[in-house]
Amino acid sequence: MAISPPSDIVLDVARAAEPQDIEAARAALTKRAGGAAATFTVEAAGAARKADTEQAGPARNYQRFEAMVLQTFIQNMLPKDAEGVYGKGLAGDMWKSQLAEHLADVMADRGGIGIARSMLADYYLEGKRVVPVGAVSGGPEQAARDAQSSLSNSLVQEIQRRMVRSLSDDPAAATAATKI
């Protein structure tokens, strides 16, 4: 009893076709691809994606983040029992996921719901350095204001404590507390 594995249909068709027909098909595919006859490699694709991300800057990154959030929203809003539209099983789930991804990308490109815009509003670039729009620490002036505010709060709290003690029933505790 021998096992005969299924053959590769595309390879079988290519073997059966005439060599000039194969070359004509390759030429037509190259023409459709815009003349890109280079072979695909994973390293080249990864390098291209990294270069795209570095050139895009924070605005594009926030837009991609918004598209990801929108994709989740859209996927949850799409009908669950629509096998007639998307298909059944894993293939239907893939089509539904791709639809949600494409809709989210288009929505994010056209402004989205404002997630990227509000996140980008918190930062701006000074050269290649990301700087918050509002001062985080404010420098020495802010430190002086914070110290003054802390002292003021402490003084108010101490006055409140003394008032509460003076309202208590034990006058000896109130006089002992004020001597400290």
Protein backbone atom coordinates (compact mmCIF):
# COMPACT_ATOMS: atom_id res chain seq x y z
CA MET A 1 0.00 0.00 0.00
CA ALA A 2 1.73 3.15 -1.22
CA ILE A 3 0.91 6.69 -0.29
CA SER A 4 0.78 9.10 -3.19
CA PRO A 5 0.93 12.72 -2.00
CA PRO A 6 -1.10 15.25 -3.96
CA SER A 7 0.86 17.05 -6.60
CA ASP A 8 1.39 20.78 -6.81
CA ILE A 9 -1.27 21.96 -9.25
CA VAL A 10 0.54 25.15 -10.22
CA LEU A 11 3.78 23.29 -10.84
CA ASP A 12 1.96 20.64 -12.89
CA VAL A 13 0.38 23.36 -15.05
CA ALA A 14 3.73 25.11 -15.47
CA ARG A 15 5.34 21.85 -16.55
CA ALA A 16 2.57 21.20 -19.07
CA ALA A 17 2.74 24.70 -20.56
CA GLU A 18 5.08 25.71 -23.33
CA PRO A 19 8.22 27.63 -22.20
CA GLN A 20 7.30 30.69 -24.28
CA ASP A 21 3.86 30.77 -22.62
CA ILE A 22 5.50 30.73 -19.19
CA GLU A 23 7.78 33.62 -20.15
CA ALA A 24 4.79 35.57 -21.50
CA ALA A 25 2.95 35.01 -18.22
CA ARG A 26 5.99 36.17 -16.21
CA ALA A 27 6.28 39.28 -18.38
CA ALA A 28 2.59 40.05 -17.90
CA LEU A 29 2.88 39.65 -14.12
CA THR A 30 5.98 41.86 -14.03
CA LYS A 31 4.14 44.49 -16.08
CA ARG A 32 1.17 44.37 -13.68
CA ALA A 33 3.50 44.72 -10.70
CA GLY A 34 4.83 47.96 -12.15
CA GLY A 35 8.06 46.50 -13.41
CA ALA A 36 9.14 45.20 -10.01
CA ALA A 37 10.93 42.03 -10.99
CA ALA A 38 12.91 41.76 -7.75
CA THR A 39 12.29 38.76 -5.57
CA PHE A 40 10.62 39.11 -2.21
CA THR A 41 12.69 38.54 0.91
CA VAL A 42 11.62 38.78 4.52
CA GLU A 43 14.70 40.83 5.43
CA ALA A 44 13.98 43.41 2.73
CA ALA A 45 10.35 43.69 3.80
CA GLY A 46 11.35 44.14 7.46
CA ALA A 47 13.92 46.80 6.55
CA ALA A 48 11.37 48.65 4.42
CA ARG A 49 8.80 48.59 7.25
CA LYS A 50 11.41 49.85 9.75
CA ALA A 51 12.46 52.67 7.41
CA ASP A 52 8.79 53.59 6.90
CA THR A 53 8.22 53.73 10.66
CA GLU A 54 11.31 55.87 11.28
CA GLN A 55 10.36 58.35 8.55
CA ALA A 56 6.71 58.50 9.57
CA GLY A 57 7.27 60.19 12.90
CA PRO A 58 4.91 60.33 15.84
CA ALA A 59 1.89 61.53 13.84
CA ARG A 60 1.85 58.37 11.70
CA ASN A 61 2.49 56.15 14.73
CA TYR A 62 -0.45 57.69 16.61
CA GLN A 63 -2.58 57.29 13.49
CA ARG A 64 -1.67 53.60 13.33
CA PHE A 65 -2.54 53.24 17.01
CA GLU A 66 -5.93 54.85 16.37
CA ALA A 67 -6.49 52.47 13.44
CA MET A 68 -5.77 49.52 15.72
CA VAL A 69 -8.28 50.76 18.31
CA LEU A 70 -10.86 51.45 15.62
CA GLN A 71 -10.32 47.96 14.17
CA THR A 72 -11.26 46.45 17.51
CA PHE A 73 -14.36 48.65 17.72
CA ILE A 74 -15.43 47.86 14.15
CA GLN A 75 -14.81 44.13 14.50
CA ASN A 76 -17.08 44.05 17.54
CA MET A 77 -19.77 46.04 15.71
CA LEU A 78 -19.86 43.81 12.61
CA PRO A 79 -22.62 41.20 12.62
CA LYS A 80 -21.65 37.86 14.13
CA ASP A 81 -24.03 35.67 12.11
CA ALA A 82 -23.33 36.82 8.56
CA GLU A 83 -21.94 33.68 6.97
CA GLY A 84 -23.65 34.59 3.70
CA VAL A 85 -21.53 37.74 3.49
CA TYR A 86 -18.16 36.67 4.89
CA GLY A 87 -18.22 32.91 4.45
CA LYS A 88 -17.98 30.13 6.99
CA GLY A 89 -15.25 29.09 9.36
CA LEU A 90 -11.72 30.42 9.41
CA ALA A 91 -11.95 31.94 5.95
CA GLY A 92 -15.02 33.95 6.93
CA ASP A 93 -13.29 35.16 10.08
CA MET A 94 -10.27 36.24 8.02
CA TRP A 95 -12.43 38.20 5.56
CA LYS A 96 -14.29 39.86 8.42
CA SER A 97 -11.01 40.77 10.11
CA GLN A 98 -9.59 42.19 6.89
CA LEU A 99 -12.73 44.23 6.33
CA ALA A 100 -12.50 45.68 9.84
CA GLU A 101 -8.80 46.41 9.36
CA HIS A 102 -9.35 48.21 6.06
CA LEU A 103 -12.28 50.23 7.39
CA ALA A 104 -10.24 51.23 10.44
CA ASP A 105 -7.26 52.27 8.29
CA VAL A 106 -9.46 54.42 6.07
CA MET A 107 -11.20 56.00 9.06
CA ALA A 108 -7.86 56.77 10.76
CA ASP A 109 -6.46 58.25 7.52
CA ARG A 110 -9.46 60.57 7.31
CA GLY A 111 -9.24 61.83 10.87
CA GLY A 112 -10.71 58.98 12.86
CA ILE A 113 -12.43 59.77 16.12
CA GLY A 114 -9.67 62.02 17.44
CA ILE A 115 -7.48 59.58 19.39
CA ALA A 116 -4.35 60.32 17.36
CA ARG A 117 -5.06 64.04 17.30
CA SER A 118 -5.46 64.27 21.07
CA MET A 119 -2.37 62.16 21.73
CA LEU A 120 -0.32 64.21 19.29
CA ALA A 121 -1.53 67.44 20.86
CA ASP A 122 0.34 66.52 24.03
CA TYR A 123 3.72 66.43 22.25
CA TYR A 124 5.70 68.32 19.69
CA LEU A 125 9.13 67.76 18.20
CA GLU A 126 12.08 70.00 18.94
CA GLY A 127 14.59 68.70 16.43
CA LYS A 128 14.52 64.94 16.94
CA ARG A 129 13.58 65.19 20.61
CA VAL A 130 9.96 64.79 21.74
CA VAL A 131 9.04 67.55 24.17
CA PRO A 132 5.77 67.73 26.15
CA VAL A 133 3.63 70.75 25.33
CA GLY A 134 2.86 71.65 28.93
CA ALA A 135 5.76 71.96 31.32
CA VAL A 136 6.12 68.83 33.38
CA SER A 137 8.27 70.32 36.12
CA GLY A 138 8.34 74.00 35.18
CA GLY A 139 11.89 74.51 36.39
CA PRO A 140 12.97 76.40 39.53
CA GLU A 141 9.99 78.77 39.48
CA GLN A 142 7.56 75.86 39.65
CA ALA A 143 9.59 74.25 42.45
CA ALA A 144 9.38 77.49 44.48
CA ARG A 145 5.61 77.72 43.90
CA ASP A 146 5.20 74.08 44.94
CA ALA A 147 7.19 74.66 48.14
CA GLN A 148 5.12 77.75 48.97
CA SER A 149 1.89 75.88 48.31
CA SER A 150 3.05 73.01 50.52
CA LEU A 151 3.86 75.42 53.36
CA SER A 152 0.49 77.14 52.96
CA ASN A 153 -1.33 73.80 53.06
CA SER A 154 0.60 72.78 56.17
CA LEU A 155 -0.26 76.05 57.92
CA VAL A 156 -3.97 75.69 57.10
CA GLN A 157 -3.99 72.09 58.33
CA GLU A 158 -2.28 73.07 61.59
CA ILE A 159 -4.85 75.84 62.19
CA GLN A 160 -7.65 73.35 61.53
CA ARG A 161 -6.16 70.87 64.02
CA ARG A 162 -5.94 73.55 66.73
CA MET A 163 -9.54 74.60 66.09
CA VAL A 164 -10.75 71.01 66.43
CA ARG A 165 -8.78 70.56 69.65
CA SER A 166 -10.19 73.79 71.07
CA LEU A 167 -13.71 72.55 70.39
CA SER A 168 -13.13 69.33 72.26
CA ASP A 169 -14.51 68.80 75.76
CA ASP A 170 -11.07 68.60 77.45
CA PRO A 171 -9.60 72.12 77.84
CA ALA A 172 -6.37 70.71 79.34
CA ALA A 173 -5.63 68.80 76.10
CA ALA A 174 -6.18 71.93 74.08
CA THR A 175 -3.72 73.99 76.17
CA ALA A 176 -1.15 71.17 76.12
CA ALA A 177 -1.37 70.94 72.35
CA THR A 178 -0.90 74.68 71.86
CA LYS A 179 2.25 74.70 74.02
CA ILE A 180 3.95 72.24 71.67
